[in-house]
C-alpha cells in the first residue's frame, strides 16, 4: 500500500473502531492496547498501568510477528503470551515507523474480520 492508501484505510479503521466503542477516533497507542487485550484473550477488565504497557508490548510483538521479527514462545501461568525476538528490527525513520505500524494494524484488523 502507498502512504496515501495506508492513511485512507487508517482513517476508515479509526472511524469504525470509534463507532464500535462509541468513543473518539483512537490513535496508534489505543489500537495497540485493543490488540493486546484481544491477544491476551481474557476479555475486557481493569488493567494496571504496567499491564497496559505489557498489553501494548504484546500487540507490538504480534504485529511484528507478521514480518517474522517475533515468534510466540507460549503462555505463562497467568495466560499472558510471551514472544521471542527472532531477528533485529531495522531502524526506521519516524515516518516509516508510523506507516509501518498503521499498515500492520490495518492488516491485523482485516484478518480478524476474515
N, C-alpha and C. Protein backbone atom coordinates (compact mmCIF):
# COMPACT_ATOMS: atom_id res chain seq x y z
N UNK A 1 0.83 -1.19 0.00
CA UNK A 1 0.00 0.00 0.00
C UNK A 1 0.88 1.25 0.00
N UNK A 2 0.42 2.24 -0.68
CA UNK A 2 1.12 3.53 -0.68
C UNK A 2 0.78 4.27 0.62
N UNK A 3 1.59 5.26 1.00
CA UNK A 3 1.25 6.05 2.19
C UNK A 3 -0.16 6.64 2.14
N UNK A 4 -0.58 7.11 0.96
CA UNK A 4 -1.93 7.67 0.83
C UNK A 4 -2.99 6.60 1.08
N UNK A 5 -2.77 5.39 0.55
CA UNK A 5 -3.72 4.29 0.78
C UNK A 5 -3.74 3.89 2.26
N UNK A 6 -2.57 3.84 2.86
CA UNK A 6 -2.49 3.50 4.28
C UNK A 6 -3.27 4.52 5.10
N UNK A 7 -3.04 5.80 4.85
CA UNK A 7 -3.73 6.84 5.61
C UNK A 7 -5.24 6.80 5.39
N UNK A 8 -5.67 6.51 4.18
CA UNK A 8 -7.11 6.41 3.91
C UNK A 8 -7.72 5.23 4.66
N UNK A 9 -7.08 4.08 4.57
CA UNK A 9 -7.57 2.88 5.28
C UNK A 9 -7.52 3.08 6.79
N UNK A 10 -6.46 3.76 7.26
CA UNK A 10 -6.31 4.04 8.69
C UNK A 10 -7.49 4.88 9.18
N UNK A 11 -7.84 5.91 8.43
CA UNK A 11 -8.96 6.75 8.80
C UNK A 11 -10.26 5.96 8.87
N UNK A 12 -10.46 5.06 7.92
CA UNK A 12 -11.66 4.22 7.91
C UNK A 12 -11.68 3.31 9.14
N UNK A 13 -10.53 2.72 9.47
CA UNK A 13 -10.44 1.83 10.62
C UNK A 13 -10.69 2.61 11.91
N UNK A 14 -10.08 3.79 12.03
CA UNK A 14 -10.31 4.62 13.21
C UNK A 14 -11.79 4.93 13.38
N UNK A 15 -12.45 5.29 12.28
CA UNK A 15 -13.87 5.62 12.34
C UNK A 15 -14.69 4.42 12.79
N UNK A 16 -14.38 3.26 12.25
CA UNK A 16 -15.12 2.04 12.60
C UNK A 16 -14.95 1.70 14.08
N UNK A 17 -13.72 1.78 14.58
CA UNK A 17 -13.46 1.47 15.99
C UNK A 17 -14.15 2.51 16.88
N UNK A 18 -14.09 3.78 16.48
CA UNK A 18 -14.75 4.84 17.26
C UNK A 18 -16.25 4.57 17.36
N UNK A 19 -16.86 4.14 16.26
CA UNK A 19 -18.30 3.84 16.27
C UNK A 19 -18.59 2.60 17.11
N UNK A 20 -17.75 1.56 16.97
CA UNK A 20 -17.96 0.31 17.72
C UNK A 20 -17.89 0.54 19.22
N UNK A 21 -16.99 1.43 19.64
CA UNK A 21 -16.78 1.66 21.07
C UNK A 21 -17.42 2.96 21.55
N UNK A 22 -18.14 3.64 20.67
CA UNK A 22 -18.81 4.89 20.99
C UNK A 22 -17.84 5.87 21.69
N UNK A 23 -16.75 6.14 21.00
CA UNK A 23 -15.70 7.00 21.53
C UNK A 23 -15.08 7.83 20.42
N UNK A 24 -14.07 8.60 20.76
CA UNK A 24 -13.37 9.36 19.72
C UNK A 24 -12.43 8.45 18.95
N UNK A 25 -11.93 8.94 17.82
CA UNK A 25 -11.05 8.13 16.98
C UNK A 25 -9.79 7.75 17.75
N UNK A 26 -9.47 6.46 17.78
CA UNK A 26 -8.30 6.01 18.54
C UNK A 26 -6.99 6.28 17.79
N UNK A 27 -5.95 6.57 18.56
CA UNK A 27 -4.63 6.73 17.96
C UNK A 27 -3.92 5.37 17.95
N UNK A 28 -2.68 5.34 17.53
CA UNK A 28 -1.93 4.08 17.42
C UNK A 28 -1.83 3.39 18.79
N UNK A 29 -1.58 4.16 19.84
CA UNK A 29 -1.44 3.56 21.17
C UNK A 29 -2.72 2.87 21.61
N UNK A 30 -3.85 3.49 21.37
CA UNK A 30 -5.13 2.89 21.74
C UNK A 30 -5.35 1.61 20.92
N UNK A 31 -5.03 1.66 19.66
CA UNK A 31 -5.17 0.47 18.81
C UNK A 31 -4.28 -0.66 19.33
N UNK A 32 -3.05 -0.32 19.73
CA UNK A 32 -2.15 -1.34 20.28
C UNK A 32 -2.73 -1.94 21.55
N UNK A 33 -3.31 -1.11 22.40
CA UNK A 33 -3.94 -1.60 23.62
C UNK A 33 -5.07 -2.57 23.27
N UNK A 34 -5.93 -2.20 22.31
CA UNK A 34 -7.04 -3.07 21.92
C UNK A 34 -6.55 -4.41 21.37
N UNK A 35 -5.49 -4.36 20.57
CA UNK A 35 -4.92 -5.60 20.02
C UNK A 35 -4.35 -6.45 21.15
N UNK A 36 -3.67 -5.80 22.10
CA UNK A 36 -3.11 -6.53 23.24
C UNK A 36 -4.19 -7.23 24.05
N UNK A 37 -5.30 -6.54 24.31
CA UNK A 37 -6.42 -7.15 25.04
C UNK A 37 -6.96 -8.33 24.26
N UNK A 38 -7.10 -8.17 22.95
CA UNK A 38 -7.60 -9.26 22.09
C UNK A 38 -6.66 -10.46 22.14
N UNK A 39 -5.37 -10.20 22.04
CA UNK A 39 -4.39 -11.29 22.03
C UNK A 39 -4.28 -11.97 23.39
N UNK A 40 -4.49 -11.22 24.47
CA UNK A 40 -4.48 -11.82 25.80
C UNK A 40 -5.64 -12.79 25.94
N UNK A 41 -6.77 -12.43 25.36
CA UNK A 41 -7.92 -13.34 25.31
C UNK A 41 -8.66 -13.51 26.62
N UNK A 42 -8.52 -12.57 27.55
CA UNK A 42 -9.21 -12.68 28.83
C UNK A 42 -10.38 -11.71 28.94
N UNK A 43 -10.72 -11.07 27.84
CA UNK A 43 -11.84 -10.15 27.82
C UNK A 43 -11.50 -8.81 28.45
N UNK A 44 -12.42 -7.87 28.34
CA UNK A 44 -12.17 -6.55 28.91
C UNK A 44 -12.23 -6.58 30.43
N UNK A 45 -11.30 -5.90 31.07
CA UNK A 45 -11.28 -5.77 32.52
C UNK A 45 -10.36 -4.60 32.87
N UNK A 46 -10.24 -4.32 34.14
CA UNK A 46 -9.35 -3.25 34.59
C UNK A 46 -7.91 -3.76 34.56
N UNK A 47 -7.03 -2.94 33.99
CA UNK A 47 -5.61 -3.29 33.93
C UNK A 47 -4.81 -2.19 34.62
N UNK A 48 -3.75 -2.59 35.29
CA UNK A 48 -2.84 -1.61 35.90
C UNK A 48 -2.06 -0.92 34.79
N UNK A 49 -1.38 0.17 35.14
CA UNK A 49 -0.57 0.87 34.16
C UNK A 49 0.48 -0.07 33.57
N UNK A 50 1.12 -0.86 34.42
CA UNK A 50 2.14 -1.82 33.95
C UNK A 50 1.52 -2.85 33.00
N UNK A 51 0.35 -3.34 33.36
CA UNK A 51 -0.32 -4.32 32.49
C UNK A 51 -0.69 -3.71 31.15
N UNK A 52 -1.11 -2.43 31.16
CA UNK A 52 -1.42 -1.76 29.90
C UNK A 52 -0.18 -1.66 29.02
N UNK A 53 0.96 -1.36 29.63
CA UNK A 53 2.22 -1.31 28.87
C UNK A 53 2.56 -2.69 28.32
N UNK A 54 2.35 -3.72 29.12
CA UNK A 54 2.61 -5.10 28.67
C UNK A 54 1.66 -5.49 27.54
N UNK A 55 0.41 -5.05 27.61
CA UNK A 55 -0.55 -5.34 26.55
C UNK A 55 -0.10 -4.69 25.24
N UNK A 56 0.42 -3.47 25.32
CA UNK A 56 0.91 -2.80 24.12
C UNK A 56 2.14 -3.53 23.58
N UNK A 57 2.98 -4.07 24.46
CA UNK A 57 4.14 -4.86 24.03
C UNK A 57 3.67 -6.13 23.33
N UNK A 58 2.67 -6.79 23.89
CA UNK A 58 2.10 -7.99 23.26
C UNK A 58 1.62 -7.66 21.85
N UNK A 59 0.94 -6.53 21.72
CA UNK A 59 0.44 -6.11 20.41
C UNK A 59 1.59 -5.87 19.44
N UNK A 60 2.62 -5.18 19.89
CA UNK A 60 3.78 -4.94 19.03
C UNK A 60 4.39 -6.24 18.56
N UNK A 61 4.56 -7.17 19.48
CA UNK A 61 5.14 -8.47 19.12
C UNK A 61 4.26 -9.20 18.13
N UNK A 62 2.95 -9.19 18.38
CA UNK A 62 2.01 -9.85 17.47
C UNK A 62 2.10 -9.23 16.08
N UNK A 63 2.09 -7.90 16.01
CA UNK A 63 2.14 -7.22 14.71
C UNK A 63 3.46 -7.51 14.00
N UNK A 64 4.57 -7.41 14.71
CA UNK A 64 5.87 -7.63 14.08
C UNK A 64 6.13 -9.11 13.79
N UNK A 65 5.33 -9.99 14.39
CA UNK A 65 5.46 -11.41 14.03
C UNK A 65 4.97 -11.64 12.60
N UNK A 66 4.09 -10.75 12.09
CA UNK A 66 3.63 -10.84 10.71
C UNK A 66 4.80 -10.71 9.73
N UNK A 67 5.85 -10.02 10.19
CA UNK A 67 7.03 -9.78 9.35
C UNK A 67 8.19 -10.70 9.72
N UNK A 68 7.95 -11.63 10.64
CA UNK A 68 8.98 -12.59 11.01
C UNK A 68 9.99 -12.10 12.04
N UNK A 69 9.68 -11.01 12.73
CA UNK A 69 10.61 -10.49 13.74
C UNK A 69 10.44 -11.17 15.10
N UNK A 70 9.22 -11.60 15.41
CA UNK A 70 8.94 -12.26 16.68
C UNK A 70 8.26 -13.60 16.45
N UNK A 71 8.42 -14.47 17.44
CA UNK A 71 7.75 -15.77 17.43
C UNK A 71 7.15 -16.00 18.81
N UNK A 72 5.92 -16.48 18.85
CA UNK A 72 5.26 -16.76 20.11
C UNK A 72 5.94 -17.96 20.77
N UNK A 73 6.40 -17.76 22.01
CA UNK A 73 7.04 -18.84 22.76
C UNK A 73 6.03 -19.66 23.53
N UNK A 74 4.99 -19.01 24.00
CA UNK A 74 3.97 -19.70 24.77
C UNK A 74 3.34 -18.76 25.78
N UNK A 75 2.55 -19.34 26.67
CA UNK A 75 1.84 -18.56 27.68
C UNK A 75 2.42 -18.85 29.06
N UNK A 76 2.41 -17.82 29.92
CA UNK A 76 2.86 -18.05 31.28
C UNK A 76 1.71 -18.61 32.12
N UNK A 77 1.94 -18.79 33.43
CA UNK A 77 0.92 -19.40 34.30
C UNK A 77 -0.35 -18.57 34.40
N UNK A 78 -0.26 -17.27 34.09
CA UNK A 78 -1.44 -16.41 34.14
C UNK A 78 -2.11 -16.26 32.77
N UNK A 79 -1.59 -16.97 31.77
CA UNK A 79 -2.18 -16.92 30.44
C UNK A 79 -1.69 -15.78 29.56
N UNK A 80 -0.63 -15.09 30.00
CA UNK A 80 -0.08 -13.99 29.21
C UNK A 80 0.92 -14.54 28.20
N UNK A 81 0.80 -14.15 26.93
CA UNK A 81 1.73 -14.64 25.89
C UNK A 81 3.12 -14.04 26.06
N UNK A 82 4.10 -14.85 25.71
CA UNK A 82 5.50 -14.40 25.72
C UNK A 82 6.08 -14.64 24.34
N UNK A 83 6.79 -13.64 23.84
CA UNK A 83 7.33 -13.65 22.50
C UNK A 83 8.85 -13.64 22.53
N UNK A 84 9.44 -14.20 21.49
CA UNK A 84 10.90 -14.21 21.36
C UNK A 84 11.27 -13.42 20.10
N UNK A 85 12.24 -12.53 20.25
CA UNK A 85 12.74 -11.78 19.11
C UNK A 85 13.57 -12.72 18.24
N UNK A 86 13.20 -12.86 16.98
CA UNK A 86 13.87 -13.78 16.06
C UNK A 86 14.99 -13.07 15.29
N UNK A 87 14.71 -11.86 14.87
CA UNK A 87 15.72 -11.07 14.16
C UNK A 87 15.54 -9.60 14.52
N UNK A 88 16.62 -8.83 14.51
CA UNK A 88 16.50 -7.43 14.92
C UNK A 88 15.61 -6.63 13.98
N UNK A 89 14.87 -5.71 14.58
CA UNK A 89 14.00 -4.83 13.81
C UNK A 89 14.86 -3.68 13.29
N UNK A 90 14.80 -3.40 11.99
CA UNK A 90 15.62 -2.30 11.44
C UNK A 90 15.27 -0.96 12.06
N UNK A 91 16.20 -0.04 12.00
CA UNK A 91 15.94 1.32 12.46
C UNK A 91 15.19 2.06 11.36
N UNK A 92 13.92 2.30 11.61
CA UNK A 92 13.08 3.01 10.66
C UNK A 92 13.04 4.48 11.04
N UNK A 93 12.81 5.35 10.05
CA UNK A 93 12.59 6.76 10.35
C UNK A 93 11.23 6.87 11.05
N UNK A 94 10.97 8.01 11.64
CA UNK A 94 9.71 8.21 12.33
C UNK A 94 8.52 8.03 11.39
N UNK A 95 8.61 8.56 10.18
CA UNK A 95 7.53 8.42 9.21
C UNK A 95 7.38 6.95 8.80
N UNK A 96 8.50 6.27 8.57
CA UNK A 96 8.43 4.84 8.21
C UNK A 96 7.80 4.04 9.34
N UNK A 97 8.16 4.35 10.58
CA UNK A 97 7.57 3.65 11.74
C UNK A 97 6.06 3.84 11.77
N UNK A 98 5.64 5.08 11.58
CA UNK A 98 4.21 5.38 11.62
C UNK A 98 3.46 4.63 10.52
N UNK A 99 3.97 4.67 9.31
CA UNK A 99 3.31 4.00 8.19
C UNK A 99 3.31 2.48 8.39
N UNK A 100 4.42 1.94 8.88
CA UNK A 100 4.51 0.50 9.11
C UNK A 100 3.51 0.06 10.17
N UNK A 101 3.46 0.79 11.29
CA UNK A 101 2.53 0.43 12.36
C UNK A 101 1.08 0.50 11.88
N UNK A 102 0.74 1.57 11.19
CA UNK A 102 -0.62 1.70 10.67
C UNK A 102 -0.94 0.55 9.72
N UNK A 103 -0.01 0.22 8.85
CA UNK A 103 -0.21 -0.86 7.89
C UNK A 103 -0.40 -2.21 8.61
N UNK A 104 0.44 -2.48 9.61
CA UNK A 104 0.33 -3.74 10.36
C UNK A 104 -0.98 -3.82 11.13
N UNK A 105 -1.41 -2.70 11.71
CA UNK A 105 -2.67 -2.66 12.45
C UNK A 105 -3.84 -2.89 11.50
N UNK A 106 -3.81 -2.26 10.34
CA UNK A 106 -4.86 -2.46 9.34
C UNK A 106 -4.94 -3.94 8.94
N UNK A 107 -3.78 -4.53 8.68
CA UNK A 107 -3.75 -5.96 8.31
C UNK A 107 -4.30 -6.83 9.43
N UNK A 108 -3.94 -6.52 10.67
CA UNK A 108 -4.43 -7.28 11.81
C UNK A 108 -5.96 -7.26 11.85
N UNK A 109 -6.53 -6.08 11.75
CA UNK A 109 -7.99 -5.98 11.82
C UNK A 109 -8.66 -6.61 10.59
N UNK A 110 -8.02 -6.51 9.43
CA UNK A 110 -8.55 -7.18 8.23
C UNK A 110 -8.61 -8.69 8.47
N UNK A 111 -7.56 -9.26 9.06
CA UNK A 111 -7.52 -10.70 9.31
C UNK A 111 -8.53 -11.11 10.38
N UNK A 112 -8.79 -10.23 11.33
CA UNK A 112 -9.77 -10.52 12.37
C UNK A 112 -11.18 -10.66 11.76
N UNK A 113 -11.43 -9.91 10.70
CA UNK A 113 -12.76 -9.95 10.07
C UNK A 113 -12.89 -11.08 9.06
N UNK A 114 -11.77 -11.61 8.63
CA UNK A 114 -11.81 -12.66 7.59
C UNK A 114 -12.36 -13.96 8.13
